[in-house]
Amino acid sequence: MITDECINCGACEPECPNTAIYEGGVEWRWGDGTSLTEVEMGDGTVVASSEPMEPVSDEFYYIVSDKCTECMGFHEEPQCAAVCPVDCCVEDPEYRESEEDLLTKKSWMHEEA
């Protein structure tokens, strides 16, 4: 997650291998930076990966937790945290995933056609 100490510098956004980081107020898409074409939501509805989704924050850069793999399978540490000048990219205590779950998510988002 990105805390409200964010200074909106944007250093984190290009470092994300999943395109899970967006500027405040900007709509996000499942397909950005992934090979997904459609996604089945928790309620069973299917959404095209190109469909714009509501921003998580209107004020600060934000991380879409459902797309974040904490850089597992790409880097040894989360790159957003590594480049953040004010240390506001931190683990979300309310959204914890195991290494296995993160690697499974990475494989799901980056299936080779």
PDB file of N, CA and C in Angstrom:
ATOM      1  N   MET A   1       0.845  -1.183   0.000  1.00  0.00           N
ATOM      2  CA  MET A   1       0.000   0.000   0.000  1.00  0.00           C
ATOM      3  C   MET A   1       0.883   1.237   0.000  1.00  0.00           C
ATOM      4  N   ILE A   2       0.314   2.349  -0.386  1.00  0.00           N
ATOM      5  CA  ILE A   2       1.025   3.615  -0.353  1.00  0.00           C
ATOM      6  C   ILE A   2       0.331   4.478   0.689  1.00  0.00           C
ATOM      7  N   THR A   3       1.089   4.948   1.656  1.00  0.00           N
ATOM      8  CA  THR A   3       0.510   5.728   2.754  1.00  0.00           C
ATOM      9  C   THR A   3       0.264   7.170   2.331  1.00  0.00           C
ATOM     10  N   ASP A   4      -0.426   7.906   3.193  1.00  0.00           N
ATOM     11  CA  ASP A   4      -0.722   9.301   2.880  1.00  0.00           C
ATOM     12  C   ASP A   4       0.487  10.225   3.052  1.00  0.00           C
ATOM     13  N   GLU A   5       1.653   9.655   3.365  1.00  0.00           N
ATOM     14  CA  GLU A   5       2.884  10.447   3.348  1.00  0.00           C
ATOM     15  C   GLU A   5       3.416  10.612   1.926  1.00  0.00           C
ATOM     16  N   CYS A   6       2.770   9.974   0.957  1.00  0.00           N
ATOM     17  CA  CYS A   6       3.179  10.044  -0.447  1.00  0.00           C
ATOM     18  C   CYS A   6       3.290  11.493  -0.899  1.00  0.00           C
ATOM     19  N   ILE A   7       4.386  11.806  -1.577  1.00  0.00           N
ATOM     20  CA  ILE A   7       4.597  13.168  -2.087  1.00  0.00           C
ATOM     21  C   ILE A   7       4.265  13.253  -3.576  1.00  0.00           C
ATOM     22  N   ASN A   8       3.654  12.190  -4.117  1.00  0.00           N
ATOM     23  CA  ASN A   8       3.243  12.141  -5.518  1.00  0.00           C
ATOM     24  C   ASN A   8       4.391  12.383  -6.492  1.00  0.00           C
ATOM     25  N   CYS A   9       5.562  11.834  -6.171  1.00  0.00           N
ATOM     26  CA  CYS A   9       6.722  12.021  -7.048  1.00  0.00           C
ATOM     27  C   CYS A   9       6.672  11.112  -8.267  1.00  0.00           C
ATOM     28  N   GLY A  10       5.962   9.975  -8.159  1.00  0.00           N
ATOM     29  CA  GLY A  10       5.826   9.058  -9.279  1.00  0.00           C
ATOM     30  C   GLY A  10       6.991   8.107  -9.491  1.00  0.00           C
ATOM     31  N   ALA A  11       7.962   8.092  -8.597  1.00  0.00           N
ATOM     32  CA  ALA A  11       9.128   7.222  -8.766  1.00  0.00           C
ATOM     33  C   ALA A  11       8.746   5.745  -8.797  1.00  0.00           C
ATOM     34  N   CYS A  12       7.717   5.370  -8.075  1.00  0.00           N
ATOM     35  CA  CYS A  12       7.312   3.964  -7.950  1.00  0.00           C
ATOM     36  C   CYS A  12       6.623   3.424  -9.197  1.00  0.00           C
ATOM     37  N   GLU A  13       5.843   4.236  -9.851  1.00  0.00           N
ATOM     38  CA  GLU A  13       4.972   3.766 -10.932  1.00  0.00           C
ATOM     39  C   GLU A  13       5.707   3.010 -12.039  1.00  0.00           C
ATOM     40  N   PRO A  14       6.775   3.533 -12.615  1.00  0.00           N
ATOM     41  CA  PRO A  14       7.424   2.793 -13.705  1.00  0.00           C
ATOM     42  C   PRO A  14       8.191   1.555 -13.247  1.00  0.00           C
ATOM     43  N   GLU A  15       8.402   1.398 -11.958  1.00  0.00           N
ATOM     44  CA  GLU A  15       9.154   0.254 -11.437  1.00  0.00           C
ATOM     45  C   GLU A  15       8.307  -1.003 -11.287  1.00  0.00           C
ATOM     46  N   CYS A  16       7.007  -0.883 -11.323  1.00  0.00           N
ATOM     47  CA  CYS A  16       6.115  -2.015 -11.071  1.00  0.00           C
ATOM     48  C   CYS A  16       6.017  -2.932 -12.291  1.00  0.00           C
ATOM     49  N   PRO A  17       6.428  -4.191 -12.152  1.00  0.00           N
ATOM     50  CA  PRO A  17       6.368  -5.120 -13.280  1.00  0.00           C
ATOM     51  C   PRO A  17       4.948  -5.551 -13.657  1.00  0.00           C
ATOM     52  N   ASN A  18       3.984  -5.258 -12.804  1.00  0.00           N
ATOM     53  CA  ASN A  18       2.590  -5.633 -13.051  1.00  0.00           C
ATOM     54  C   ASN A  18       1.710  -4.447 -13.422  1.00  0.00           C
ATOM     55  N   THR A  19       2.269  -3.270 -13.474  1.00  0.00           N
ATOM     56  CA  THR A  19       1.499  -2.044 -13.659  1.00  0.00           C
ATOM     57  C   THR A  19       0.353  -2.015 -12.651  1.00  0.00           C
ATOM     58  N   ALA A  20       0.711  -2.195 -11.388  1.00  0.00           N
ATOM     59  CA  ALA A  20      -0.279  -2.188 -10.303  1.00  0.00           C
ATOM     60  C   ALA A  20      -0.303  -0.853  -9.575  1.00  0.00           C
ATOM     61  N   ILE A  21       0.535   0.093  -9.992  1.00  0.00           N
ATOM     62  CA  ILE A  21       0.612   1.404  -9.335  1.00  0.00           C
ATOM     63  C   ILE A  21       0.095   2.466 -10.300  1.00  0.00           C
ATOM     64  N   TYR A  22      -0.798   3.298  -9.782  1.00  0.00           N
ATOM     65  CA  TYR A  22      -1.428   4.338 -10.597  1.00  0.00           C
ATOM     66  C   TYR A  22      -1.417   5.668  -9.855  1.00  0.00           C
ATOM     67  N   GLU A  23      -1.429   6.725 -10.630  1.00  0.00           N
ATOM     68  CA  GLU A  23      -1.509   8.068 -10.062  1.00  0.00           C
ATOM     69  C   GLU A  23      -2.904   8.283  -9.483  1.00  0.00           C
ATOM     70  N   GLY A  24      -2.991   9.018  -8.398  1.00  0.00           N
ATOM     71  CA  GLY A  24      -4.276   9.302  -7.777  1.00  0.00           C
ATOM     72  C   GLY A  24      -5.278   9.848  -8.771  1.00  0.00           C
ATOM     73  N   GLY A  25      -6.499   9.312  -8.729  1.00  0.00           N
ATOM     74  CA  GLY A  25      -7.569   9.769  -9.598  1.00  0.00           C
ATOM     75  C   GLY A  25      -7.599   9.102 -10.960  1.00  0.00           C
ATOM     76  N   VAL A  26      -6.583   8.330 -11.294  1.00  0.00           N
ATOM     77  CA  VAL A  26      -6.512   7.670 -12.597  1.00  0.00           C
ATOM     78  C   VAL A  26      -7.157   6.287 -12.506  1.00  0.00           C
ATOM     79  N   GLU A  27      -8.027   5.982 -13.477  1.00  0.00           N
ATOM     80  CA  GLU A  27      -8.646   4.669 -13.527  1.00  0.00           C
ATOM     81  C   GLU A  27      -7.583   3.621 -13.854  1.00  0.00           C
ATOM     82  N   TRP A  28      -7.770   2.400 -13.344  1.00  0.00           N
ATOM     83  CA  TRP A  28      -6.838   1.318 -13.621  1.00  0.00           C
ATOM     84  C   TRP A  28      -7.526   0.245 -14.430  1.00  0.00           C
ATOM     85  N   ARG A  29      -6.709  -0.620 -15.032  1.00  0.00           N
ATOM     86  CA  ARG A  29      -7.230  -1.725 -15.844  1.00  0.00           C
ATOM     87  C   ARG A  29      -6.472  -3.000 -15.516  1.00  0.00           C
ATOM     88  N   TRP A  30      -7.177  -4.120 -15.520  1.00  0.00           N
ATOM     89  CA  TRP A  30      -6.545  -5.417 -15.282  1.00  0.00           C
ATOM     90  C   TRP A  30      -5.489  -5.706 -16.341  1.00  0.00           C
ATOM     91  N   GLY A  31      -5.746  -5.305 -17.568  1.00  0.00           N
ATOM     92  CA  GLY A  31      -4.852  -5.625 -18.670  1.00  0.00           C
ATOM     93  C   GLY A  31      -3.573  -4.818 -18.717  1.00  0.00           C
ATOM     94  N   ASP A  32      -3.519  -3.700 -18.011  1.00  0.00           N
ATOM     95  CA  ASP A  32      -2.309  -2.880 -18.020  1.00  0.00           C
ATOM     96  C   ASP A  32      -1.129  -3.693 -17.487  1.00  0.00           C
ATOM     97  N   GLY A  33      -0.132  -3.912 -18.324  1.00  0.00           N
ATOM     98  CA  GLY A  33       1.072  -4.612 -17.891  1.00  0.00           C
ATOM     99  C   GLY A  33       0.921  -6.099 -17.659  1.00  0.00           C
ATOM    100  N   THR A  34      -0.194  -6.684 -18.090  1.00  0.00           N
ATOM    101  CA  THR A  34      -0.423  -8.124 -17.907  1.00  0.00           C
ATOM    102  C   THR A  34      -0.865  -8.727 -19.234  1.00  0.00           C
ATOM    103  N   SER A  35      -0.981 -10.049 -19.266  1.00  0.00           N
ATOM    104  CA  SER A  35      -1.489 -10.732 -20.461  1.00  0.00           C
ATOM    105  C   SER A  35      -2.974 -11.079 -20.324  1.00  0.00           C
ATOM    106  N   LEU A  36      -3.618 -10.579 -19.283  1.00  0.00           N
ATOM    107  CA  LEU A  36      -5.030 -10.895 -19.049  1.00  0.00           C
ATOM    108  C   LEU A  36      -5.918 -10.313 -20.143  1.00  0.00           C
ATOM    109  N   THR A  37      -6.943 -11.059 -20.530  1.00  0.00           N
ATOM    110  CA  THR A  37      -7.916 -10.551 -21.495  1.00  0.00           C
ATOM    111  C   THR A  37      -9.267 -10.330 -20.834  1.00  0.00           C
ATOM    112  N   GLU A  38      -9.543 -11.123 -19.791  1.00  0.00           N
ATOM    113  CA  GLU A  38     -10.747 -10.936 -18.989  1.00  0.00           C
ATOM    114  C   GLU A  38     -10.491 -11.498 -17.596  1.00  0.00           C
ATOM    115  N   VAL A  39     -11.284 -10.994 -16.645  1.00  0.00           N
ATOM    116  CA  VAL A  39     -11.101 -11.384 -15.252  1.00  0.00           C
ATOM    117  C   VAL A  39     -12.462 -11.689 -14.653  1.00  0.00           C
ATOM    118  N   GLU A  40     -12.537 -12.837 -13.962  1.00  0.00           N
ATOM    119  CA  GLU A  40     -13.764 -13.170 -13.248  1.00  0.00           C
ATOM    120  C   GLU A  40     -13.684 -12.538 -11.863  1.00  0.00           C
ATOM    121  N   MET A  41     -14.650 -11.713 -11.554  1.00  0.00           N
ATOM    122  CA  MET A  41     -14.683 -11.010 -10.285  1.00  0.00           C
ATOM    123  C   MET A  41     -15.235 -11.932  -9.195  1.00  0.00           C
ATOM    124  N   GLY A  42     -15.105 -11.530  -7.950  1.00  0.00           N
ATOM    125  CA  GLY A  42     -15.555 -12.319  -6.809  1.00  0.00           C
ATOM    126  C   GLY A  42     -17.022 -12.685  -6.839  1.00  0.00           C
ATOM    127  N   ASP A  43     -17.834 -11.855  -7.498  1.00  0.00           N
ATOM    128  CA  ASP A  43     -19.276 -12.121  -7.564  1.00  0.00           C
ATOM    129  C   ASP A  43     -19.664 -12.955  -8.785  1.00  0.00           C
ATOM    130  N   GLY A  44     -18.652 -13.399  -9.554  1.00  0.00           N
ATOM    131  CA  GLY A  44     -18.923 -14.234 -10.716  1.00  0.00           C
ATOM    132  C   GLY A  44     -19.026 -13.489 -12.032  1.00  0.00           C
ATOM    133  N   THR A  45     -19.130 -12.168 -11.997  1.00  0.00           N
ATOM    134  CA  THR A  45     -19.175 -11.418 -13.240  1.00  0.00           C
ATOM    135  C   THR A  45     -17.794 -11.435 -13.904  1.00  0.00           C
ATOM    136  N   VAL A  46     -17.805 -11.349 -15.218  1.00  0.00           N
ATOM    137  CA  VAL A  46     -16.564 -11.342 -15.988  1.00  0.00           C
ATOM    138  C   VAL A  46     -16.375  -9.941 -16.556  1.00  0.00           C
ATOM    139  N   VAL A  47     -15.159  -9.417 -16.374  1.00  0.00           N
ATOM    140  CA  VAL A  47     -14.834  -8.063 -16.809  1.00  0.00           C
ATOM    141  C   VAL A  47     -13.726  -8.134 -17.849  1.00  0.00           C
ATOM    142  N   ALA A  48     -13.878  -7.420 -18.943  1.00  0.00           N
ATOM    143  CA  ALA A  48     -12.811  -7.332 -19.942  1.00  0.00           C
ATOM    144  C   ALA A  48     -11.614  -6.636 -19.305  1.00  0.00           C
ATOM    145  N   SER A  49     -10.421  -7.106 -19.602  1.00  0.00           N
ATOM    146  CA  SER A  49      -9.225  -6.535 -18.986  1.00  0.00           C
ATOM    147  C   SER A  49      -8.996  -5.087 -19.395  1.00  0.00           C
ATOM    148  N   SER A  50      -9.640  -4.651 -20.465  1.00  0.00           N
ATOM    149  CA  SER A  50      -9.502  -3.266 -20.920  1.00  0.00           C
ATOM    150  C   SER A  50     -10.500  -2.315 -20.261  1.00  0.00           C
ATOM    151  N   GLU A  51     -11.423  -2.879 -19.475  1.00  0.00           N
ATOM    152  CA  GLU A  51     -12.447  -2.061 -18.818  1.00  0.00           C
ATOM    153  C   GLU A  51     -11.841  -1.202 -17.711  1.00  0.00           C
ATOM    154  N   PRO A  52     -12.098   0.108 -17.730  1.00  0.00           N
ATOM    155  CA  PRO A  52     -11.559   0.963 -16.664  1.00  0.00           C
ATOM    156  C   PRO A  52     -12.228   0.694 -15.322  1.00  0.00           C
ATOM    157  N   MET A  53     -11.406   0.669 -14.282  1.00  0.00           N
ATOM    158  CA  MET A  53     -11.881   0.427 -12.921  1.00  0.00           C
ATOM    159  C   MET A  53     -11.720   1.722 -12.117  1.00  0.00           C
ATOM    160  N   GLU A  54     -12.515   1.852 -11.065  1.00  0.00           N
ATOM    161  CA  GLU A  54     -12.477   3.046 -10.224  1.00  0.00           C
ATOM    162  C   GLU A  54     -11.115   3.202  -9.532  1.00  0.00           C
ATOM    163  N   PRO A  55     -10.606   4.422  -9.466  1.00  0.00           N
ATOM    164  CA  PRO A  55      -9.353   4.650  -8.740  1.00  0.00           C
ATOM    165  C   PRO A  55      -9.490   4.276  -7.267  1.00  0.00           C
ATOM    166  N   VAL A  56      -8.434   3.738  -6.691  1.00  0.00           N
ATOM    167  CA  VAL A  56      -8.410   3.386  -5.280  1.00  0.00           C
ATOM    168  C   VAL A  56      -8.243   4.644  -4.433  1.00  0.00           C
ATOM    169  N   SER A  57      -7.553   5.651  -4.977  1.00  0.00           N
ATOM    170  CA  SER A  57      -7.343   6.922  -4.285  1.00  0.00           C
ATOM    171  C   SER A  57      -7.461   8.052  -5.292  1.00  0.00           C
ATOM    172  N   ASP A  58      -8.034   9.148  -4.862  1.00  0.00           N
ATOM    173  CA  ASP A  58      -8.105  10.324  -5.718  1.00  0.00           C
ATOM    174  C   ASP A  58      -6.965  11.297  -5.439  1.00  0.00           C
ATOM    175  N   GLU A  59      -6.286  11.121  -4.297  1.00  0.00           N
ATOM    176  CA  GLU A  59      -5.264  12.074  -3.877  1.00  0.00           C
ATOM    177  C   GLU A  59      -3.832  11.627  -4.121  1.00  0.00           C
ATOM    178  N   PHE A  60      -3.548  10.348  -3.854  1.00  0.00           N
ATOM    179  CA  PHE A  60      -2.176   9.866  -3.883  1.00  0.00           C
ATOM    180  C   PHE A  60      -2.032   8.700  -4.854  1.00  0.00           C
ATOM    181  N   TYR A  61      -0.792   8.456  -5.259  1.00  0.00           N
ATOM    182  CA  TYR A  61      -0.522   7.234  -6.007  1.00  0.00           C
ATOM    183  C   TYR A  61      -1.062   6.065  -5.176  1.00  0.00           C
ATOM    184  N   TYR A  62      -1.513   5.031  -5.861  1.00  0.00           N
ATOM    185  CA  TYR A  62      -2.065   3.883  -5.147  1.00  0.00           C
ATOM    186  C   TYR A  62      -1.636   2.585  -5.817  1.00  0.00           C
ATOM    187  N   ILE A  63      -1.710   1.503  -5.052  1.00  0.00           N
ATOM    188  CA  ILE A  63      -1.390   0.169  -5.535  1.00  0.00           C
ATOM    189  C   ILE A  63      -2.677  -0.647  -5.574  1.00  0.00           C
ATOM    190  N   VAL A  64      -2.924  -1.286  -6.706  1.00  0.00           N
ATOM    191  CA  VAL A  64      -4.050  -2.203  -6.826  1.00  0.00           C
ATOM    192  C   VAL A  64      -3.576  -3.532  -6.240  1.00  0.00           C
ATOM    193  N   SER A  65      -4.022  -3.837  -5.035  1.00  0.00           N
ATOM    194  CA  SER A  65      -3.557  -5.035  -4.325  1.00  0.00           C
ATOM    195  C   SER A  65      -3.778  -6.316  -5.118  1.00  0.00           C
ATOM    196  N   ASP A  66      -4.868  -6.386  -5.861  1.00  0.00           N
ATOM    197  CA  ASP A  66      -5.164  -7.599  -6.620  1.00  0.00           C
ATOM    198  C   ASP A  66      -4.201  -7.816  -7.788  1.00  0.00           C
ATOM    199  N   LYS A  67      -3.431  -6.777  -8.162  1.00  0.00           N
ATOM    200  CA  LYS A  67      -2.424  -6.920  -9.217  1.00  0.00           C
ATOM    201  C   LYS A  67      -1.005  -6.973  -8.658  1.00  0.00           C
ATOM    202  N   CYS A  68      -0.826  -6.629  -7.404  1.00  0.00           N
ATOM    203  CA  CYS A  68       0.508  -6.567  -6.802  1.00  0.00           C
ATOM    204  C   CYS A  68       1.002  -7.956  -6.422  1.00  0.00           C
ATOM    205  N   THR A  69       2.230  -8.261  -6.820  1.00  0.00           N
ATOM    206  CA  THR A  69       2.857  -9.531  -6.449  1.00  0.00           C
ATOM    207  C   THR A  69       4.068  -9.279  -5.552  1.00  0.00           C
ATOM    208  N   GLU A  70       4.192  -8.071  -5.043  1.00  0.00           N
ATOM    209  CA  GLU A  70       5.352  -7.677  -4.235  1.00  0.00           C
ATOM    210  C   GLU A  70       6.644  -7.994  -4.986  1.00  0.00           C
ATOM    211  N   CYS A  71       6.556  -7.933  -6.313  1.00  0.00           N
ATOM    212  CA  CYS A  71       7.672  -8.178  -7.245  1.00  0.00           C
ATOM    213  C   CYS A  71       8.184  -9.613  -7.218  1.00  0.00           C
ATOM    214  N   MET A  72       7.435 -10.538  -6.577  1.00  0.00           N
ATOM    215  CA  MET A  72       7.824 -11.952  -6.565  1.00  0.00           C
ATOM    216  C   MET A  72       7.908 -12.457  -8.004  1.00  0.00           C
ATOM    217  N   GLY A  73       8.964 -13.171  -8.297  1.00  0.00           N
ATOM    218  CA  GLY A  73       9.164 -13.698  -9.635  1.00  0.00           C
ATOM    219  C   GLY A  73       9.812 -12.716 -10.584  1.00  0.00           C
ATOM    220  N   PHE A  74      10.005 -11.490 -10.136  1.00  0.00           N
ATOM    221  CA  PHE A  74      10.645 -10.463 -10.947  1.00  0.00           C
ATOM    222  C   PHE A  74      11.922  -9.933 -10.290  1.00  0.00           C
ATOM    223  N   HIS A  75      11.807  -9.569  -9.017  1.00  0.00           N
ATOM    224  CA  HIS A  75      12.901  -8.943  -8.273  1.00  0.00           C
ATOM    225  C   HIS A  75      12.984  -9.546  -6.872  1.00  0.00           C
ATOM    226  N   GLU A  76      14.081  -9.292  -6.192  1.00  0.00           N
ATOM    227  CA  GLU A  76      14.273  -9.835  -4.844  1.00  0.00           C
ATOM    228  C   GLU A  76      13.523  -9.053  -3.770  1.00  0.00           C
ATOM    229  N   GLU A  77      13.112  -7.828  -4.093  1.00  0.00           N
ATOM    230  CA  GLU A  77      12.363  -7.003  -3.143  1.00  0.00           C
ATOM    231  C   GLU A  77      11.382  -6.140  -3.914  1.00  0.00           C
ATOM    232  N   PRO A  78      10.319  -5.666  -3.261  1.00  0.00           N
ATOM    233  CA  PRO A  78       9.375  -4.774  -3.936  1.00  0.00           C
ATOM    234  C   PRO A  78      10.086  -3.507  -4.418  1.00  0.00           C
ATOM    235  N   GLN A  79      10.008  -3.281  -5.710  1.00  0.00           N
ATOM    236  CA  GLN A  79      10.723  -2.152  -6.296  1.00  0.00           C
ATOM    237  C   GLN A  79      10.132  -0.800  -5.924  1.00  0.00           C
ATOM    238  N   CYS A  80       8.839  -0.755  -5.669  1.00  0.00           N
ATOM    239  CA  CYS A  80       8.224   0.519  -5.264  1.00  0.00           C
ATOM    240  C   CYS A  80       8.844   1.001  -3.957  1.00  0.00           C
ATOM    241  N   ALA A  81       8.991   0.072  -3.013  1.00  0.00           N
ATOM    242  CA  ALA A  81       9.585   0.418  -1.718  1.00  0.00           C
ATOM    243  C   ALA A  81      11.058   0.788  -1.876  1.00  0.00           C
ATOM    244  N   ALA A  82      11.752   0.099  -2.785  1.00  0.00           N
ATOM    245  CA  ALA A  82      13.180   0.349  -2.981  1.00  0.00           C
ATOM    246  C   ALA A  82      13.461   1.749  -3.519  1.00  0.00           C
ATOM    247  N   VAL A  83      12.563   2.279  -4.338  1.00  0.00           N
ATOM    248  CA  VAL A  83      12.818   3.590  -4.951  1.00  0.00           C
ATOM    249  C   VAL A  83      12.101   4.751  -4.265  1.00  0.00           C
ATOM    250  N   CYS A  84      11.181   4.471  -3.354  1.00  0.00           N
ATOM    251  CA  CYS A  84      10.394   5.535  -2.718  1.00  0.00           C
ATOM    252  C   CYS A  84      11.289   6.419  -1.840  1.00  0.00           C
ATOM    253  N   PRO A  85      11.333   7.715  -2.130  1.00  0.00           N
ATOM    254  CA  PRO A  85      12.198   8.601  -1.353  1.00  0.00           C
ATOM    255  C   PRO A  85      11.688   8.916   0.052  1.00  0.00           C
ATOM    256  N   VAL A  86      10.407   8.633   0.317  1.00  0.00           N
ATOM    257  CA  VAL A  86       9.854   8.941   1.641  1.00  0.00           C
ATOM    258  C   VAL A  86       9.340   7.691   2.361  1.00  0.00           C
ATOM    259  N   ASP A  87       9.707   6.527   1.861  1.00  0.00           N
ATOM    260  CA  ASP A  87       9.347   5.248   2.488  1.00  0.00           C
ATOM    261  C   ASP A  87       7.845   5.099   2.759  1.00  0.00           C
ATOM    262  N   CYS A  88       7.035   5.457   1.775  1.00  0.00           N
ATOM    263  CA  CYS A  88       5.588   5.326   1.979  1.00  0.00           C
ATOM    264  C   CYS A  88       4.992   4.121   1.267  1.00  0.00           C
ATOM    265  N   CYS A  89       5.805   3.347   0.567  1.00  0.00           N
ATOM    266  CA  CYS A  89       5.347   2.087  -0.024  1.00  0.00           C
ATOM    267  C   CYS A  89       5.649   0.994   0.989  1.00  0.00           C
ATOM    268  N   VAL A  90       4.598   0.529   1.658  1.00  0.00           N
ATOM    269  CA  VAL A  90       4.767  -0.414   2.766  1.00  0.00           C
ATOM    270  C   VAL A  90       3.808  -1.590   2.612  1.00  0.00           C
ATOM    271  N   GLU A  91       4.071  -2.652   3.355  1.00  0.00           N
ATOM    272  CA  GLU A  91       3.184  -3.805   3.359  1.00  0.00           C
ATOM    273  C   GLU A  91       1.841  -3.410   3.949  1.00  0.00           C
ATOM    274  N   ASP A  92       0.774  -3.841   3.309  1.00  0.00           N
ATOM    275  CA  ASP A  92      -0.578  -3.551   3.785  1.00  0.00           C
ATOM    276  C   ASP A  92      -0.944  -4.585   4.849  1.00  0.00           C
ATOM    277  N   PRO A  93      -1.108  -4.176   6.109  1.00  0.00           N
ATOM    278  CA  PRO A  93      -1.396  -5.143   7.173  1.00  0.00           C
ATOM    279  C   PRO A  93      -2.747  -5.832   7.008  1.00  0.00           C
ATOM    280  N   GLU A  94      -3.632  -5.274   6.186  1.00  0.00           N
ATOM    281  CA  GLU A  94      -4.949  -5.871   5.992  1.00  0.00           C
ATOM    282  C   GLU A  94      -5.031  -6.711   4.721  1.00  0.00           C
ATOM    283  N   TYR A  95      -3.913  -6.821   3.994  1.00  0.00           N
ATOM    284  CA  TYR A  95      -3.910  -7.587   2.752  1.00  0.00           C
ATOM    285  C   TYR A  95      -2.597  -8.351   2.664  1.00  0.00           C
ATOM    286  N   ARG A  96      -2.550  -9.499   3.324  1.00  0.00           N
ATOM    287  CA  ARG A  96      -1.326 -10.308   3.366  1.00  0.00           C
ATOM    288  C   ARG A  96      -1.504 -11.544   2.489  1.00  0.00           C
ATOM    289  N   GLU A  97      -0.466 -11.852   1.727  1.00  0.00           N
ATOM    290  CA  GLU A  97      -0.487 -13.032   0.868  1.00  0.00           C
ATOM    291  C   GLU A  97       0.824 -13.792   1.063  1.00  0.00           C
ATOM    292  N   SER A  98       0.756 -15.106   0.932  1.00  0.00           N
ATOM    293  CA  SER A  98       1.954 -15.928   1.052  1.00  0.00           C
ATOM    294  C   SER A  98       2.789 -15.806  -0.223  1.00  0.00           C
ATOM    295  N   GLU A  99       4.049 -16.219  -0.124  1.00  0.00           N
ATOM    296  CA  GLU A  99       4.920 -16.212  -1.299  1.00  0.00           C
ATOM    297  C   GLU A  99       4.313 -17.080  -2.402  1.00  0.00           C
ATOM    298  N   GLU A 100       3.761 -18.219  -2.017  1.00  0.00           N
ATOM    299  CA  GLU A 100       3.127 -19.110  -2.993  1.00  0.00           C
ATOM    300  C   GLU A 100       1.949 -18.426  -3.697  1.00  0.00           C
ATOM    301  N   ASP A 101       1.116 -17.724  -2.926  1.00  0.00           N
ATOM    302  CA  ASP A 101      -0.027 -17.020  -3.513  1.00  0.00           C
ATOM    303  C   ASP A 101       0.431 -15.916  -4.467  1.00  0.00           C
ATOM    304  N   LEU A 102       1.486 -15.196  -4.081  1.00  0.00           N
ATOM    305  CA  LEU A 102       2.001 -14.120  -4.925  1.00  0.00           C
ATOM    306  C   LEU A 102       2.561 -14.670  -6.234  1.00  0.00           C
ATOM    307  N   LEU A 103       3.268 -15.794  -6.176  1.00  0.00           N
ATOM    308  CA  LEU A 103       3.818 -16.399  -7.387  1.00  0.00           C
ATOM    309  C   LEU A 103       2.713 -16.969  -8.272  1.00  0.00           C
ATOM    310  N   THR A 104       1.659 -17.505  -7.657  1.00  0.00           N
ATOM    311  CA  THR A 104       0.511 -17.992  -8.423  1.00  0.00           C
ATOM    312  C   THR A 104      -0.167 -16.824  -9.136  1.00  0.00           C
ATOM    313  N   LYS A 105      -0.316 -15.708  -8.453  1.00  0.00           N
ATOM    314  CA  LYS A 105      -0.921 -14.513  -9.052  1.00  0.00           C
ATOM    315  C   LYS A 105      -0.070 -14.021 -10.220  1.00  0.00           C
ATOM    316  N   LYS A 106       1.239 -14.016 -10.039  1.00  0.00           N
ATOM    317  CA  LYS A 106       2.155 -13.587 -11.108  1.00  0.00           C
ATOM    318  C   LYS A 106       1.973 -14.466 -12.334  1.00  0.00           C
ATOM    319  N   SER A 107       1.932 -15.783 -12.140  1.00  0.00           N
ATOM    320  CA  SER A 107       1.751 -16.712 -13.259  1.00  0.00           C
ATOM    321  C   SER A 107       0.404 -16.480 -13.957  1.00  0.00           C
ATOM    322  N   TRP A 108      -0.627 -16.241 -13.182  1.00  0.00           N
ATOM    323  CA  TRP A 108      -1.964 -15.990 -13.730  1.00  0.00           C
ATOM    324  C   TRP A 108      -1.974 -14.715 -14.577  1.00  0.00           C
ATOM    325  N   MET A 109      -1.328 -13.670 -14.109  1.00  0.00           N
ATOM    326  CA  MET A 109      -1.355 -12.387 -14.836  1.00  0.00           C
ATOM    327  C   MET A 109      -0.424 -12.355 -16.047  1.00  0.00           C
ATOM    328  N   HIS A 110       0.577 -13.212 -16.045  1.00  0.00           N
ATOM    329  CA  HIS A 110       1.588 -13.144 -17.105  1.00  0.00           C
ATOM    330  C   HIS A 110       1.708 -14.449 -17.878  1.00  0.00           C
ATOM    331  N   GLU A 111       0.568 -15.092 -18.129  1.00  0.00           N
ATOM    332  CA  GLU A 111       0.561 -16.326 -18.925  1.00  0.00           C
ATOM    333  C   GLU A 111       1.058 -15.999 -20.325  1.00  0.00           C
ATOM    334  N   GLU A 112       1.883 -16.880 -20.831  1.00  0.00           N
ATOM    335  CA  GLU A 112       2.378 -16.677 -22.190  1.00  0.00           C
ATOM    336  C   GLU A 112       1.407 -17.297 -23.171  1.00  0.00           C
ATOM    337  N   ALA A 113       1.119 -16.548 -24.210  1.00  0.00           N
ATOM    338  CA  ALA A 113       0.131 -17.003 -25.207  1.00  0.00           C
ATOM    339  C   ALA A 113       0.735 -18.021 -26.151  1.00  0.00           C
TER     340      ALA A 113
END
